[in-house]
Protein backbone atom coordinates (compact mmCIF):
# COMPACT_ATOMS: atom_id res chain seq x y z
CA UNK A 1 35.30 -14.08 -35.70
CA UNK A 2 36.07 -11.28 -33.22
CA UNK A 3 32.95 -11.70 -31.45
CA UNK A 4 33.69 -15.52 -31.00
CA UNK A 5 36.90 -14.64 -29.68
CA UNK A 6 35.43 -12.03 -27.19
CA UNK A 7 32.96 -14.86 -25.96
CA UNK A 8 35.62 -17.21 -25.77
CA UNK A 9 37.35 -16.00 -22.48
CA UNK A 10 34.09 -16.62 -20.38
CA UNK A 11 33.49 -19.46 -21.86
CA UNK A 12 36.90 -21.06 -21.05
CA UNK A 13 35.89 -20.77 -17.51
CA UNK A 14 33.38 -23.45 -17.93
CA UNK A 15 35.16 -25.48 -20.70
CA UNK A 16 36.17 -29.13 -20.40
CA UNK A 17 39.79 -29.37 -20.50
CA UNK A 18 42.18 -32.20 -21.63
CA UNK A 19 46.00 -32.38 -20.83
CA UNK A 20 48.33 -31.79 -23.67
CA UNK A 21 51.81 -32.51 -21.77
CA UNK A 22 54.25 -31.62 -24.49
CA UNK A 23 57.44 -29.49 -23.90
CA UNK A 24 56.87 -28.02 -27.35
CA UNK A 25 52.77 -28.03 -27.20
CA UNK A 26 53.22 -24.00 -28.12
CA UNK A 27 55.31 -24.66 -31.22
CA UNK A 28 52.83 -27.23 -32.42
CA UNK A 29 49.88 -24.90 -31.75
CA UNK A 30 51.31 -21.98 -33.43
CA UNK A 31 52.40 -24.09 -36.21
CA UNK A 32 48.81 -25.42 -36.57
CA UNK A 33 47.38 -21.64 -36.68
CA UNK A 34 46.55 -21.25 -33.15
CA UNK A 35 46.63 -17.23 -32.23
CA UNK A 36 48.15 -16.04 -29.19
CA UNK A 37 45.66 -13.71 -27.46
CA UNK A 38 46.20 -11.52 -24.29
CA UNK A 39 43.25 -10.76 -21.94
CA UNK A 40 42.00 -7.56 -23.06
CA UNK A 41 39.56 -6.60 -20.13
CA UNK A 42 39.32 -7.22 -16.25
CA UNK A 43 36.89 -10.02 -16.82
CA UNK A 44 38.95 -11.60 -19.49
CA UNK A 45 41.92 -11.29 -17.00
CA UNK A 46 39.73 -12.87 -14.05
CA UNK A 47 38.98 -15.65 -16.19
CA UNK A 48 42.45 -16.17 -17.41
CA UNK A 49 43.76 -16.41 -13.97
CA UNK A 50 41.14 -18.90 -12.88
CA UNK A 51 42.32 -21.37 -15.76
CA UNK A 52 44.66 -23.97 -15.22
CA UNK A 53 47.95 -23.66 -17.13
CA UNK A 54 49.13 -25.63 -20.04
CA UNK A 55 45.80 -27.32 -20.79
CA UNK A 56 43.89 -27.60 -24.02
CA UNK A 57 40.30 -26.18 -23.32
CA UNK A 58 37.50 -26.64 -25.68
CA UNK A 59 34.02 -25.14 -25.70
CA UNK A 60 31.20 -24.95 -28.20
CA UNK A 61 29.99 -21.48 -28.96
CA UNK A 62 27.35 -20.45 -31.17
CA UNK A 63 27.73 -23.90 -32.82
CA UNK A 64 31.20 -23.58 -33.45
CA UNK A 65 33.91 -25.41 -31.40
CA UNK A 66 36.80 -23.12 -29.91
CA UNK A 67 39.96 -24.37 -28.38
CA UNK A 68 42.06 -22.52 -26.05
CA UNK A 69 45.79 -23.04 -24.34
CA UNK A 70 46.73 -21.18 -21.47
CA UNK A 71 50.39 -20.16 -21.56
CA UNK A 72 51.33 -18.37 -18.31
CA UNK A 73 55.03 -17.75 -19.22
CA UNK A 74 53.88 -15.47 -21.96
CA UNK A 75 50.45 -14.52 -20.42
CA UNK A 76 48.55 -15.36 -23.43
CA UNK A 77 45.80 -17.89 -24.55
CA UNK A 78 46.61 -19.82 -27.68
CA UNK A 79 42.80 -19.81 -29.69
CA UNK A 80 42.02 -21.69 -32.47
CA UNK A 81 38.91 -23.34 -34.13
CA UNK A 82 38.37 -26.78 -35.61
CA UNK A 83 40.60 -26.64 -38.27
CA UNK A 84 43.35 -25.51 -36.01
CA UNK A 85 42.62 -28.18 -33.80
CA UNK A 86 42.35 -30.64 -36.47
CA UNK A 87 45.81 -29.73 -37.75
CA UNK A 88 47.40 -29.67 -34.26
CA UNK A 89 46.33 -33.34 -33.67
CA UNK A 90 47.75 -34.32 -36.99
CA UNK A 91 51.10 -32.29 -35.90
CA UNK A 92 51.14 -34.26 -32.56
CA UNK A 93 50.21 -37.72 -34.22
CA UNK A 94 53.11 -37.12 -36.43
CA UNK A 95 55.66 -36.06 -34.03
CA UNK A 96 54.81 -39.10 -31.67
CA UNK A 97 55.03 -41.77 -34.74
CA UNK A 98 58.61 -39.88 -35.39
CA UNK A 99 59.47 -40.31 -31.72
CA UNK A 100 58.51 -43.99 -31.78
CA UNK A 101 60.33 -44.76 -34.60
CA UNK A 102 63.46 -43.15 -33.29
CA UNK A 103 63.20 -45.02 -30.20
CA UNK A 104 62.79 -48.26 -31.99
CA UNK A 105 65.67 -47.58 -34.42
CA UNK A 106 67.77 -46.78 -31.18
CA UNK A 107 66.63 -50.15 -29.50
CA UNK A 108 67.47 -52.21 -32.67
CA UNK A 109 70.99 -50.43 -32.84
CA UNK A 110 71.40 -51.14 -29.25
CA UNK A 111 70.28 -54.78 -29.50
CA UNK A 112 72.79 -55.25 -32.61
CA UNK A 113 75.81 -53.72 -30.85
CA UNK A 114 75.11 -54.33 -27.40
CA UNK A 115 77.58 -57.28 -26.90
CA UNK A 116 77.99 -56.86 -23.28
CA UNK A 117 81.50 -56.84 -21.67
CA UNK A 118 82.71 -59.93 -23.17
CA UNK A 119 82.09 -59.11 -26.94
CA UNK A 120 79.80 -60.97 -29.16
CA UNK A 121 78.70 -64.39 -28.54
CA UNK A 122 79.28 -67.16 -31.00
CA UNK A 123 79.25 -70.68 -30.43
CA UNK A 124 82.43 -72.16 -30.51
CA UNK A 125 84.13 -68.49 -30.82
CA UNK A 126 85.67 -68.55 -27.11
CA UNK A 127 86.96 -71.99 -27.34
C-alpha cells in the first residue's frame, strides 16, 4: 500500500478529475476513511502544486483505483481506495437525501402556514 501511495502523486497529475463541490467534503472524506497525506518529496510538491484544488481525482495504478482530493487550506491530499470512495459516495447520497427531505418539509410547512398578509382564505370566511 505504501508503494501505491508513493505512486499516487505522479499519477494524480494525469488523473481525470470530477468536481465535488460540497462545503463539508473533507468531513465526508475523513469519515469515509480517506487519509490526509502531505507531499513528501520535491516531486510530490511540484505535482501537488499543479493539482486543481477541491477536485476529486481518480487514477488506476497497478490494477487498483486510487482517489485523491487536494485541500490547499491544510496542504494535504486526502487519499483513499475503492472501499473509501464507495463509502464516500454513500455518505454523499445520504446527505443529499437528508437535505432534500428537509427542504421538502420546509416547503410543506410554508405552504401550510403561508396565508399571506390577509390570513387563510376560506369561502365565506370574509363575508
